[in-house]
N, C-alpha and C. Protein backbone atom coordinates (compact mmCIF):
# COMPACT_ATOMS: atom_id res chain seq x y z
N UNK A 1 19.98 -5.56 10.84
CA UNK A 1 18.55 -5.44 10.60
C UNK A 1 18.06 -4.14 11.23
N UNK A 2 17.40 -3.31 10.44
CA UNK A 2 16.84 -2.06 10.95
C UNK A 2 15.39 -1.94 10.51
N UNK A 3 14.64 -1.09 11.21
CA UNK A 3 13.24 -0.84 10.88
C UNK A 3 13.03 0.66 10.81
N UNK A 4 12.36 1.09 9.74
CA UNK A 4 12.02 2.51 9.60
C UNK A 4 10.63 2.62 8.99
N UNK A 5 9.74 3.27 9.71
CA UNK A 5 8.36 3.46 9.25
C UNK A 5 7.75 2.15 8.75
N UNK A 6 7.93 1.10 9.54
CA UNK A 6 7.30 -0.21 9.30
C UNK A 6 7.92 -1.00 8.15
N UNK A 7 9.05 -0.55 7.62
CA UNK A 7 9.78 -1.34 6.63
C UNK A 7 11.03 -1.91 7.29
N UNK A 8 11.20 -3.23 7.17
CA UNK A 8 12.38 -3.90 7.72
C UNK A 8 13.45 -3.96 6.64
N UNK A 9 14.65 -3.53 6.98
CA UNK A 9 15.76 -3.56 6.04
C UNK A 9 16.84 -4.50 6.56
N UNK A 10 17.30 -5.41 5.70
CA UNK A 10 18.40 -6.30 6.02
C UNK A 10 19.63 -5.82 5.26
N UNK A 11 20.70 -5.57 5.98
CA UNK A 11 21.94 -5.11 5.34
C UNK A 11 23.00 -6.20 5.45
N UNK A 12 23.65 -6.45 4.34
CA UNK A 12 24.71 -7.46 4.29
C UNK A 12 26.04 -6.75 4.05
N UNK A 13 27.04 -7.07 4.85
CA UNK A 13 28.37 -6.48 4.64
C UNK A 13 29.36 -7.59 4.31
N UNK A 14 30.37 -7.22 3.54
CA UNK A 14 31.42 -8.18 3.17
C UNK A 14 32.72 -7.43 2.96
N UNK A 15 33.83 -8.14 3.13
CA UNK A 15 35.16 -7.57 2.87
C UNK A 15 35.80 -8.36 1.73
N UNK A 16 36.52 -7.67 0.86
CA UNK A 16 37.19 -8.33 -0.25
C UNK A 16 38.12 -7.39 -0.97
N UNK A 17 38.78 -7.89 -2.01
CA UNK A 17 39.75 -7.08 -2.74
C UNK A 17 39.08 -6.01 -3.59
N UNK A 18 37.87 -6.30 -4.08
CA UNK A 18 37.17 -5.35 -4.94
C UNK A 18 35.67 -5.62 -4.86
N UNK A 19 34.90 -4.86 -5.64
CA UNK A 19 33.44 -5.01 -5.63
C UNK A 19 33.01 -6.42 -6.01
N UNK A 20 33.68 -6.98 -7.00
CA UNK A 20 33.30 -8.33 -7.46
C UNK A 20 33.49 -9.35 -6.35
N UNK A 21 34.58 -9.25 -5.62
CA UNK A 21 34.83 -10.16 -4.50
C UNK A 21 33.73 -10.02 -3.44
N UNK A 22 33.39 -8.79 -3.12
CA UNK A 22 32.37 -8.55 -2.10
C UNK A 22 31.01 -9.07 -2.54
N UNK A 23 30.65 -8.82 -3.80
CA UNK A 23 29.36 -9.29 -4.29
C UNK A 23 29.30 -10.83 -4.29
N UNK A 24 30.41 -11.46 -4.62
CA UNK A 24 30.45 -12.92 -4.60
C UNK A 24 30.28 -13.44 -3.17
N UNK A 25 30.88 -12.75 -2.21
CA UNK A 25 30.76 -13.17 -0.81
C UNK A 25 29.34 -12.96 -0.29
N UNK A 26 28.68 -11.91 -0.77
CA UNK A 26 27.33 -11.58 -0.31
C UNK A 26 26.27 -12.50 -0.91
N UNK A 27 26.51 -13.00 -2.13
CA UNK A 27 25.48 -13.70 -2.88
C UNK A 27 24.81 -14.87 -2.13
N UNK A 28 25.55 -15.75 -1.44
CA UNK A 28 24.87 -16.85 -0.74
C UNK A 28 23.93 -16.37 0.36
N UNK A 29 24.32 -15.31 1.07
CA UNK A 29 23.44 -14.77 2.12
C UNK A 29 22.20 -14.14 1.50
N UNK A 30 22.38 -13.39 0.42
CA UNK A 30 21.24 -12.79 -0.26
C UNK A 30 20.28 -13.86 -0.76
N UNK A 31 20.83 -14.94 -1.32
CA UNK A 31 19.98 -16.03 -1.81
C UNK A 31 19.18 -16.66 -0.68
N UNK A 32 19.81 -16.82 0.49
CA UNK A 32 19.12 -17.39 1.64
C UNK A 32 17.97 -16.47 2.10
N UNK A 33 18.22 -15.17 2.09
CA UNK A 33 17.17 -14.21 2.47
C UNK A 33 15.97 -14.35 1.53
N UNK A 34 16.21 -14.38 0.24
CA UNK A 34 15.12 -14.52 -0.72
C UNK A 34 14.37 -15.84 -0.54
N UNK A 35 15.13 -16.91 -0.29
CA UNK A 35 14.49 -18.22 -0.12
C UNK A 35 13.63 -18.26 1.14
N UNK A 36 14.09 -17.62 2.20
CA UNK A 36 13.36 -17.66 3.47
C UNK A 36 12.17 -16.69 3.50
N UNK A 37 12.34 -15.52 2.92
CA UNK A 37 11.32 -14.48 3.03
C UNK A 37 10.38 -14.42 1.83
N UNK A 38 10.79 -14.97 0.72
CA UNK A 38 9.90 -15.07 -0.44
C UNK A 38 9.28 -13.75 -0.84
N UNK A 39 7.94 -13.73 -0.92
CA UNK A 39 7.23 -12.56 -1.44
C UNK A 39 7.27 -11.35 -0.50
N UNK A 40 7.82 -11.53 0.70
CA UNK A 40 7.96 -10.39 1.59
C UNK A 40 9.02 -9.41 1.09
N UNK A 41 9.96 -9.90 0.29
CA UNK A 41 11.02 -9.04 -0.24
C UNK A 41 10.48 -8.30 -1.45
N UNK A 42 10.60 -6.96 -1.45
CA UNK A 42 10.08 -6.20 -2.59
C UNK A 42 11.16 -5.42 -3.33
N UNK A 43 12.37 -5.33 -2.79
CA UNK A 43 13.38 -4.58 -3.51
C UNK A 43 14.73 -4.60 -2.81
N UNK A 44 15.68 -3.95 -3.45
CA UNK A 44 17.04 -3.85 -2.92
C UNK A 44 17.52 -2.41 -3.00
N UNK A 45 18.65 -2.17 -2.32
CA UNK A 45 19.26 -0.84 -2.28
C UNK A 45 18.28 0.20 -1.75
N UNK A 46 18.00 1.26 -2.52
CA UNK A 46 17.15 2.35 -2.03
C UNK A 46 15.68 2.16 -2.39
N UNK A 47 15.31 0.99 -2.84
CA UNK A 47 13.92 0.72 -3.20
C UNK A 47 12.98 0.91 -2.02
N UNK A 48 11.86 1.56 -2.28
CA UNK A 48 10.75 1.61 -1.34
C UNK A 48 9.58 0.88 -1.99
N UNK A 49 8.56 0.61 -1.19
CA UNK A 49 7.42 -0.17 -1.68
C UNK A 49 6.78 0.49 -2.91
N UNK A 50 6.69 1.82 -2.90
CA UNK A 50 6.08 2.50 -4.04
C UNK A 50 6.87 2.30 -5.34
N UNK A 51 8.19 2.16 -5.23
CA UNK A 51 8.99 1.90 -6.42
C UNK A 51 8.65 0.53 -6.99
N UNK A 52 8.50 -0.45 -6.10
CA UNK A 52 8.15 -1.80 -6.55
C UNK A 52 6.78 -1.82 -7.22
N UNK A 53 5.83 -1.09 -6.66
CA UNK A 53 4.48 -1.04 -7.23
C UNK A 53 4.50 -0.39 -8.61
N UNK A 54 5.18 0.73 -8.74
CA UNK A 54 5.23 1.42 -10.04
C UNK A 54 5.96 0.56 -11.07
N UNK A 55 7.00 -0.12 -10.66
CA UNK A 55 7.73 -1.01 -11.58
C UNK A 55 6.80 -2.08 -12.14
N UNK A 56 5.98 -2.67 -11.27
CA UNK A 56 5.04 -3.71 -11.70
C UNK A 56 3.94 -3.13 -12.59
N UNK A 57 3.46 -1.93 -12.28
CA UNK A 57 2.46 -1.29 -13.13
C UNK A 57 3.03 -1.05 -14.53
N UNK A 58 4.26 -0.56 -14.59
CA UNK A 58 4.90 -0.31 -15.89
C UNK A 58 5.07 -1.61 -16.67
N UNK A 59 5.55 -2.64 -15.98
CA UNK A 59 5.83 -3.92 -16.65
C UNK A 59 4.58 -4.48 -17.30
N UNK A 60 3.43 -4.24 -16.66
CA UNK A 60 2.17 -4.80 -17.18
C UNK A 60 1.32 -3.75 -17.89
N UNK A 61 1.84 -2.53 -17.99
CA UNK A 61 1.15 -1.43 -18.65
C UNK A 61 -0.26 -1.24 -18.08
N UNK A 62 -0.33 -1.10 -16.76
CA UNK A 62 -1.60 -0.93 -16.05
C UNK A 62 -1.59 0.40 -15.30
N UNK A 63 -2.78 0.88 -14.97
CA UNK A 63 -2.90 2.19 -14.32
C UNK A 63 -3.59 2.07 -12.96
N UNK A 64 -3.34 3.08 -12.13
CA UNK A 64 -3.82 3.07 -10.75
C UNK A 64 -4.35 4.45 -10.37
N UNK A 65 -5.42 4.46 -9.57
CA UNK A 65 -5.90 5.67 -8.91
C UNK A 65 -6.15 5.32 -7.45
N UNK A 66 -6.00 6.29 -6.56
CA UNK A 66 -6.12 6.01 -5.13
C UNK A 66 -7.07 6.98 -4.44
N UNK A 67 -7.67 6.49 -3.38
CA UNK A 67 -8.40 7.37 -2.47
C UNK A 67 -7.92 7.03 -1.06
N UNK A 68 -7.48 8.02 -0.35
CA UNK A 68 -6.80 7.83 0.93
C UNK A 68 -7.52 8.63 2.01
N UNK A 69 -8.10 7.92 2.95
CA UNK A 69 -8.80 8.59 4.04
C UNK A 69 -7.98 8.50 5.33
N UNK A 70 -7.52 7.34 5.66
CA UNK A 70 -6.95 7.13 7.00
C UNK A 70 -5.50 7.46 7.17
N UNK A 71 -4.78 7.83 6.11
CA UNK A 71 -3.33 8.05 6.27
C UNK A 71 -2.86 9.38 5.69
N UNK A 72 -3.76 10.35 5.61
CA UNK A 72 -3.38 11.72 5.23
C UNK A 72 -2.69 11.81 3.88
N UNK A 73 -3.12 11.01 2.92
CA UNK A 73 -2.59 11.13 1.57
C UNK A 73 -1.20 10.58 1.36
N UNK A 74 -0.72 9.71 2.25
CA UNK A 74 0.64 9.19 2.11
C UNK A 74 0.83 8.42 0.81
N UNK A 75 -0.14 7.58 0.44
CA UNK A 75 0.03 6.77 -0.76
C UNK A 75 0.19 7.66 -2.00
N UNK A 76 -0.66 8.67 -2.11
CA UNK A 76 -0.57 9.57 -3.26
C UNK A 76 0.77 10.29 -3.29
N UNK A 77 1.23 10.75 -2.15
CA UNK A 77 2.49 11.49 -2.10
C UNK A 77 3.66 10.59 -2.49
N UNK A 78 3.70 9.39 -1.91
CA UNK A 78 4.79 8.47 -2.23
C UNK A 78 4.81 8.10 -3.70
N UNK A 79 3.65 7.74 -4.22
CA UNK A 79 3.58 7.32 -5.63
C UNK A 79 3.96 8.46 -6.56
N UNK A 80 3.52 9.67 -6.24
CA UNK A 80 3.79 10.82 -7.09
C UNK A 80 5.27 11.17 -7.15
N UNK A 81 6.03 10.75 -6.15
CA UNK A 81 7.45 11.07 -6.10
C UNK A 81 8.32 10.10 -6.90
N UNK A 82 7.72 9.00 -7.38
CA UNK A 82 8.48 8.02 -8.16
C UNK A 82 8.69 8.56 -9.58
N UNK A 83 9.90 8.41 -10.09
CA UNK A 83 10.21 8.92 -11.43
C UNK A 83 9.38 8.20 -12.50
N UNK A 84 8.98 8.93 -13.53
CA UNK A 84 8.27 8.37 -14.68
C UNK A 84 6.98 7.65 -14.30
N UNK A 85 6.28 8.16 -13.29
CA UNK A 85 5.07 7.48 -12.83
C UNK A 85 3.82 7.97 -13.55
N UNK A 86 3.93 9.07 -14.25
CA UNK A 86 2.75 9.79 -14.72
C UNK A 86 1.78 8.95 -15.56
N UNK A 87 2.29 8.09 -16.42
CA UNK A 87 1.42 7.30 -17.29
C UNK A 87 0.77 6.13 -16.56
N UNK A 88 1.17 5.88 -15.33
CA UNK A 88 0.68 4.70 -14.62
C UNK A 88 -0.10 5.04 -13.35
N UNK A 89 0.28 6.11 -12.70
CA UNK A 89 -0.48 6.59 -11.55
C UNK A 89 -1.28 7.80 -12.00
N UNK A 90 -2.59 7.64 -12.11
CA UNK A 90 -3.43 8.68 -12.70
C UNK A 90 -3.86 9.75 -11.71
N UNK A 91 -3.64 9.50 -10.41
CA UNK A 91 -3.96 10.51 -9.41
C UNK A 91 -4.70 9.92 -8.23
N UNK A 92 -4.93 10.78 -7.25
CA UNK A 92 -5.59 10.31 -6.04
C UNK A 92 -6.37 11.39 -5.35
N UNK A 93 -7.18 10.97 -4.41
CA UNK A 93 -8.01 11.86 -3.61
C UNK A 93 -7.68 11.61 -2.15
N UNK A 94 -7.51 12.69 -1.40
CA UNK A 94 -7.26 12.58 0.03
C UNK A 94 -8.51 13.06 0.78
N UNK A 95 -9.17 12.17 1.49
CA UNK A 95 -10.36 12.53 2.26
C UNK A 95 -9.97 12.90 3.69
N UNK A 96 -10.57 13.94 4.20
CA UNK A 96 -10.27 14.34 5.58
C UNK A 96 -11.52 14.40 6.46
N UNK A 97 -12.68 14.22 5.86
CA UNK A 97 -13.91 14.34 6.64
C UNK A 97 -14.97 13.41 6.08
N UNK A 98 -15.81 12.85 6.98
CA UNK A 98 -16.81 11.90 6.53
C UNK A 98 -17.84 12.53 5.59
N UNK A 99 -18.09 13.82 5.73
CA UNK A 99 -19.06 14.46 4.83
C UNK A 99 -18.60 14.36 3.37
N UNK A 100 -17.28 14.52 3.18
CA UNK A 100 -16.75 14.41 1.83
C UNK A 100 -16.91 13.01 1.28
N UNK A 101 -16.66 12.02 2.14
CA UNK A 101 -16.82 10.62 1.70
C UNK A 101 -18.26 10.34 1.32
N UNK A 102 -19.19 10.79 2.13
CA UNK A 102 -20.61 10.56 1.84
C UNK A 102 -21.01 11.23 0.54
N UNK A 103 -20.49 12.42 0.32
CA UNK A 103 -20.83 13.13 -0.92
C UNK A 103 -20.27 12.39 -2.13
N UNK A 104 -19.04 11.90 -2.01
CA UNK A 104 -18.44 11.17 -3.12
C UNK A 104 -19.23 9.90 -3.43
N UNK A 105 -19.72 9.25 -2.40
CA UNK A 105 -20.42 7.98 -2.59
C UNK A 105 -21.92 8.15 -2.74
N UNK A 106 -22.39 9.38 -2.56
CA UNK A 106 -23.83 9.63 -2.59
C UNK A 106 -24.54 8.66 -1.65
N UNK A 107 -24.05 8.61 -0.40
CA UNK A 107 -24.50 7.60 0.55
C UNK A 107 -25.06 8.25 1.80
N UNK A 108 -25.75 7.44 2.58
CA UNK A 108 -26.33 7.89 3.84
C UNK A 108 -25.33 7.75 4.97
N UNK A 109 -25.56 8.50 6.06
CA UNK A 109 -24.61 8.53 7.18
C UNK A 109 -24.44 7.17 7.83
N UNK A 110 -25.44 6.30 7.74
CA UNK A 110 -25.33 4.98 8.36
C UNK A 110 -24.15 4.18 7.81
N UNK A 111 -23.75 4.52 6.58
CA UNK A 111 -22.64 3.79 5.96
C UNK A 111 -21.35 3.97 6.75
N UNK A 112 -21.21 5.06 7.47
CA UNK A 112 -19.96 5.36 8.16
C UNK A 112 -20.06 5.12 9.66
N UNK A 113 -20.90 4.22 10.07
CA UNK A 113 -20.97 3.89 11.50
C UNK A 113 -19.67 3.24 11.93
N UNK A 114 -19.48 3.09 13.23
CA UNK A 114 -18.24 2.53 13.74
C UNK A 114 -18.09 1.04 13.53
N UNK A 115 -19.11 0.39 13.02
CA UNK A 115 -19.08 -1.05 12.81
C UNK A 115 -18.02 -1.43 11.77
N UNK A 116 -17.22 -2.49 12.06
CA UNK A 116 -16.15 -2.90 11.15
C UNK A 116 -16.69 -3.28 9.78
N UNK A 117 -17.86 -3.94 9.74
CA UNK A 117 -18.44 -4.33 8.46
C UNK A 117 -18.79 -3.09 7.63
N UNK A 118 -19.25 -2.05 8.30
CA UNK A 118 -19.57 -0.82 7.58
C UNK A 118 -18.32 -0.14 7.06
N UNK A 119 -17.25 -0.16 7.84
CA UNK A 119 -15.99 0.40 7.37
C UNK A 119 -15.49 -0.36 6.14
N UNK A 120 -15.63 -1.68 6.15
CA UNK A 120 -15.22 -2.49 5.00
C UNK A 120 -16.04 -2.12 3.77
N UNK A 121 -17.35 -1.96 3.96
CA UNK A 121 -18.21 -1.61 2.84
C UNK A 121 -17.89 -0.22 2.32
N UNK A 122 -17.64 0.72 3.21
CA UNK A 122 -17.27 2.08 2.79
C UNK A 122 -15.99 2.04 1.96
N UNK A 123 -15.00 1.31 2.43
CA UNK A 123 -13.71 1.24 1.74
C UNK A 123 -13.86 0.57 0.39
N UNK A 124 -14.67 -0.47 0.32
CA UNK A 124 -14.92 -1.14 -0.95
C UNK A 124 -15.53 -0.16 -1.96
N UNK A 125 -16.53 0.58 -1.52
CA UNK A 125 -17.19 1.53 -2.41
C UNK A 125 -16.23 2.64 -2.85
N UNK A 126 -15.36 3.07 -1.95
CA UNK A 126 -14.39 4.10 -2.32
C UNK A 126 -13.43 3.60 -3.40
N UNK A 127 -12.96 2.36 -3.26
CA UNK A 127 -12.04 1.80 -4.27
C UNK A 127 -12.73 1.69 -5.63
N UNK A 128 -13.96 1.24 -5.62
CA UNK A 128 -14.68 1.08 -6.89
C UNK A 128 -15.01 2.43 -7.52
N UNK A 129 -15.36 3.40 -6.68
CA UNK A 129 -15.72 4.71 -7.24
C UNK A 129 -14.51 5.44 -7.80
N UNK A 130 -13.34 5.31 -7.14
CA UNK A 130 -12.15 6.01 -7.65
C UNK A 130 -11.67 5.36 -8.94
N UNK A 131 -11.80 4.06 -9.05
CA UNK A 131 -11.44 3.37 -10.30
C UNK A 131 -12.32 3.86 -11.45
N UNK A 132 -13.63 3.95 -11.18
CA UNK A 132 -14.56 4.40 -12.23
C UNK A 132 -14.31 5.87 -12.58
N UNK A 133 -14.06 6.69 -11.57
CA UNK A 133 -13.87 8.13 -11.81
C UNK A 133 -12.65 8.41 -12.66
N UNK A 134 -11.55 7.71 -12.41
CA UNK A 134 -10.31 7.97 -13.13
C UNK A 134 -10.14 7.08 -14.35
N UNK A 135 -11.00 6.07 -14.50
CA UNK A 135 -10.87 5.15 -15.63
C UNK A 135 -9.60 4.33 -15.58
N UNK A 136 -9.18 3.97 -14.37
CA UNK A 136 -7.93 3.23 -14.19
C UNK A 136 -8.18 1.72 -14.12
N UNK A 137 -7.11 0.97 -14.29
CA UNK A 137 -7.23 -0.50 -14.17
C UNK A 137 -7.47 -0.91 -12.72
N UNK A 138 -6.84 -0.18 -11.78
CA UNK A 138 -6.98 -0.48 -10.36
C UNK A 138 -7.43 0.76 -9.59
N UNK A 139 -8.26 0.54 -8.60
CA UNK A 139 -8.60 1.57 -7.63
C UNK A 139 -8.22 1.07 -6.25
N UNK A 140 -7.37 1.80 -5.56
CA UNK A 140 -6.90 1.41 -4.23
C UNK A 140 -7.42 2.41 -3.21
N UNK A 141 -8.07 1.92 -2.18
CA UNK A 141 -8.64 2.80 -1.15
C UNK A 141 -8.16 2.41 0.23
N UNK A 142 -7.90 3.43 1.03
CA UNK A 142 -7.65 3.25 2.47
C UNK A 142 -8.81 3.90 3.20
N UNK A 143 -9.49 3.13 4.03
CA UNK A 143 -10.67 3.62 4.72
C UNK A 143 -10.33 4.51 5.90
N UNK A 144 -11.36 4.92 6.65
CA UNK A 144 -11.14 5.80 7.80
C UNK A 144 -10.33 5.11 8.89
N UNK A 145 -9.50 5.89 9.55
CA UNK A 145 -8.70 5.35 10.65
C UNK A 145 -9.51 5.36 11.94
N UNK A 146 -9.50 4.26 12.68
CA UNK A 146 -10.19 4.26 13.98
C UNK A 146 -9.43 5.11 14.97
N UNK A 147 -10.10 5.53 16.01
CA UNK A 147 -9.43 6.32 17.03
C UNK A 147 -8.49 5.43 17.84
N UNK A 148 -7.42 6.03 18.33
CA UNK A 148 -6.47 5.31 19.18
C UNK A 148 -6.70 5.79 20.61
N UNK A 149 -7.36 4.97 21.38
CA UNK A 149 -7.67 5.33 22.77
C UNK A 149 -6.88 4.43 23.72
N UNK A 150 -6.22 5.03 24.68
CA UNK A 150 -5.44 4.25 25.63
C UNK A 150 -6.27 3.26 26.41
N UNK A 151 -5.79 2.02 26.48
CA UNK A 151 -6.46 1.00 27.27
C UNK A 151 -7.56 0.26 26.55
N UNK A 152 -7.96 0.72 25.38
CA UNK A 152 -9.03 0.04 24.64
C UNK A 152 -8.43 -0.93 23.63
N UNK A 153 -9.26 -1.84 23.15
CA UNK A 153 -8.83 -2.76 22.12
C UNK A 153 -8.50 -1.98 20.85
N UNK A 154 -7.41 -2.33 20.15
CA UNK A 154 -7.08 -1.58 18.93
C UNK A 154 -8.15 -1.77 17.86
N UNK A 155 -8.47 -0.69 17.17
CA UNK A 155 -9.39 -0.78 16.05
C UNK A 155 -8.70 -1.33 14.82
N UNK A 156 -9.45 -1.39 13.73
CA UNK A 156 -8.90 -1.92 12.49
C UNK A 156 -9.12 -0.90 11.37
N UNK A 157 -8.18 -0.87 10.46
CA UNK A 157 -8.29 0.00 9.29
C UNK A 157 -8.42 -0.89 8.06
N UNK A 158 -9.25 -0.48 7.13
CA UNK A 158 -9.55 -1.31 5.95
C UNK A 158 -8.84 -0.78 4.71
N UNK A 159 -8.50 -1.71 3.81
CA UNK A 159 -7.94 -1.39 2.51
C UNK A 159 -8.76 -2.14 1.47
N UNK A 160 -8.97 -1.55 0.33
CA UNK A 160 -9.71 -2.22 -0.73
C UNK A 160 -9.02 -1.99 -2.06
N UNK A 161 -8.98 -3.04 -2.88
CA UNK A 161 -8.38 -2.97 -4.21
C UNK A 161 -9.42 -3.44 -5.22
N UNK A 162 -9.82 -2.53 -6.10
CA UNK A 162 -10.83 -2.83 -7.12
C UNK A 162 -10.16 -2.96 -8.48
N UNK A 163 -10.57 -3.97 -9.23
CA UNK A 163 -10.15 -4.10 -10.62
C UNK A 163 -11.32 -4.67 -11.42
N UNK A 164 -11.10 -5.02 -12.64
CA UNK A 164 -12.21 -5.45 -13.50
C UNK A 164 -12.82 -6.78 -13.04
N UNK A 165 -12.08 -7.53 -12.24
CA UNK A 165 -12.58 -8.83 -11.77
C UNK A 165 -13.32 -8.76 -10.44
N UNK A 166 -13.33 -7.58 -9.81
CA UNK A 166 -14.00 -7.46 -8.52
C UNK A 166 -13.18 -6.63 -7.55
N UNK A 167 -13.52 -6.75 -6.27
CA UNK A 167 -12.86 -5.93 -5.25
C UNK A 167 -12.43 -6.81 -4.08
N UNK A 168 -11.20 -6.66 -3.67
CA UNK A 168 -10.68 -7.36 -2.49
C UNK A 168 -10.59 -6.37 -1.34
N UNK A 169 -11.11 -6.75 -0.18
CA UNK A 169 -11.06 -5.89 1.00
C UNK A 169 -10.29 -6.62 2.10
N UNK A 170 -9.34 -5.96 2.69
CA UNK A 170 -8.56 -6.50 3.81
C UNK A 170 -8.61 -5.49 4.95
N UNK A 171 -8.26 -5.95 6.14
CA UNK A 171 -8.15 -5.03 7.26
C UNK A 171 -6.94 -5.41 8.11
N UNK A 172 -6.47 -4.46 8.89
CA UNK A 172 -5.32 -4.69 9.75
C UNK A 172 -5.49 -3.90 11.04
N UNK A 173 -4.83 -4.36 12.07
CA UNK A 173 -4.88 -3.67 13.35
C UNK A 173 -4.27 -2.28 13.21
N UNK A 174 -4.93 -1.30 13.83
CA UNK A 174 -4.46 0.08 13.78
C UNK A 174 -4.04 0.46 15.19
N UNK A 175 -2.79 0.18 15.52
CA UNK A 175 -2.30 0.43 16.87
C UNK A 175 -0.80 0.63 16.81
N UNK A 176 -0.26 1.25 17.84
CA UNK A 176 1.17 1.47 17.91
C UNK A 176 1.50 2.95 18.06
N UNK A 177 2.77 3.26 17.92
CA UNK A 177 3.22 4.64 18.07
C UNK A 177 2.63 5.49 16.97
N UNK A 178 2.28 6.72 17.29
CA UNK A 178 1.63 7.61 16.33
C UNK A 178 2.50 7.89 15.11
N UNK A 179 3.82 7.76 15.24
CA UNK A 179 4.70 8.01 14.11
C UNK A 179 4.73 6.85 13.13
N UNK A 180 4.17 5.71 13.53
CA UNK A 180 4.28 4.51 12.72
C UNK A 180 2.96 4.07 12.12
N UNK A 181 1.83 4.30 12.82
CA UNK A 181 0.57 3.68 12.40
C UNK A 181 0.15 4.09 10.99
N UNK A 182 0.29 5.36 10.64
CA UNK A 182 -0.15 5.79 9.30
C UNK A 182 0.78 5.28 8.20
N UNK A 183 2.11 5.41 8.33
CA UNK A 183 2.96 4.81 7.30
C UNK A 183 2.76 3.31 7.16
N UNK A 184 2.57 2.61 8.28
CA UNK A 184 2.36 1.16 8.19
C UNK A 184 1.07 0.85 7.44
N UNK A 185 0.00 1.58 7.74
CA UNK A 185 -1.27 1.35 7.05
C UNK A 185 -1.14 1.63 5.56
N UNK A 186 -0.47 2.72 5.20
CA UNK A 186 -0.27 3.04 3.78
C UNK A 186 0.52 1.96 3.08
N UNK A 187 1.54 1.43 3.76
CA UNK A 187 2.36 0.38 3.15
C UNK A 187 1.59 -0.94 3.05
N UNK A 188 0.71 -1.22 4.00
CA UNK A 188 -0.11 -2.42 3.91
C UNK A 188 -1.04 -2.34 2.70
N UNK A 189 -1.57 -1.16 2.44
CA UNK A 189 -2.43 -0.99 1.27
C UNK A 189 -1.63 -1.15 -0.02
N UNK A 190 -0.47 -0.51 -0.10
CA UNK A 190 0.36 -0.65 -1.29
C UNK A 190 0.81 -2.09 -1.50
N UNK A 191 1.04 -2.80 -0.40
CA UNK A 191 1.48 -4.19 -0.53
C UNK A 191 0.35 -5.09 -1.04
N UNK A 192 -0.89 -4.75 -0.70
CA UNK A 192 -2.03 -5.47 -1.26
C UNK A 192 -1.99 -5.38 -2.79
N UNK A 193 -1.70 -4.20 -3.30
CA UNK A 193 -1.60 -4.02 -4.75
C UNK A 193 -0.37 -4.73 -5.30
N UNK A 194 0.77 -4.63 -4.63
CA UNK A 194 1.99 -5.27 -5.11
C UNK A 194 1.79 -6.78 -5.28
N UNK A 195 1.19 -7.40 -4.29
CA UNK A 195 0.99 -8.85 -4.35
C UNK A 195 0.02 -9.22 -5.46
N UNK A 196 -0.99 -8.40 -5.68
CA UNK A 196 -1.93 -8.65 -6.78
C UNK A 196 -1.20 -8.55 -8.11
N UNK A 197 -0.43 -7.49 -8.29
CA UNK A 197 0.32 -7.33 -9.55
C UNK A 197 1.32 -8.45 -9.76
N UNK A 198 1.96 -8.88 -8.68
CA UNK A 198 2.95 -9.96 -8.79
C UNK A 198 2.32 -11.28 -9.19
N UNK A 199 1.05 -11.44 -8.86
CA UNK A 199 0.36 -12.71 -9.17
C UNK A 199 -0.16 -12.78 -10.61
N UNK A 200 -0.16 -11.64 -11.31
CA UNK A 200 -0.68 -11.61 -12.67
C UNK A 200 0.29 -12.30 -13.63
N UNK A 201 -0.21 -12.89 -14.70
CA UNK A 201 0.68 -13.51 -15.69
C UNK A 201 1.65 -12.49 -16.25
N UNK A 202 2.84 -12.93 -16.55
CA UNK A 202 3.85 -12.03 -17.15
C UNK A 202 3.36 -11.55 -18.51
N UNK A 203 3.58 -10.28 -18.84
CA UNK A 203 3.12 -9.75 -20.14
C UNK A 203 3.90 -10.36 -21.30
């Protein structure tokens, strides 16, 4: 079991006469992992979360646009690197300053106060506005990242997913090593979309 940028990887090894023998030996352990972890499992081999998301978008012929404030454009970069994504990922916006967010939303400064409810509302509006701007089926937004101050209670970062049925807003603790917090937040946002896509009826 290893962890890299907030993704847990389980590796199974086996010995046998050939590949078929090894795969047969591995199969019961793999089945147990799927049974125990369920929807937490998103792929095998070199799969990353963005590959799983794009696969589901393709399967259902749906499109996505993103706006990323708190993680320096990680979601857009990861999604853009997936092969054959162009027809499904329509693009994204990376926000780096609150003035830009206010301009995009045509909103007053009070919207970006430090209050968690305001951050949720800001993120919701960003998801809805990016969906409308790009004409996509889904709009995924990552809100502003709270400051990480030593000794203080960890802040929370918000994610919002907008579609034709409405908008879902979630939040998660924003704490930990500086090398991990942004990738983890980006993956939590992508996983919100993955779970939504997985719950849709099969095409």
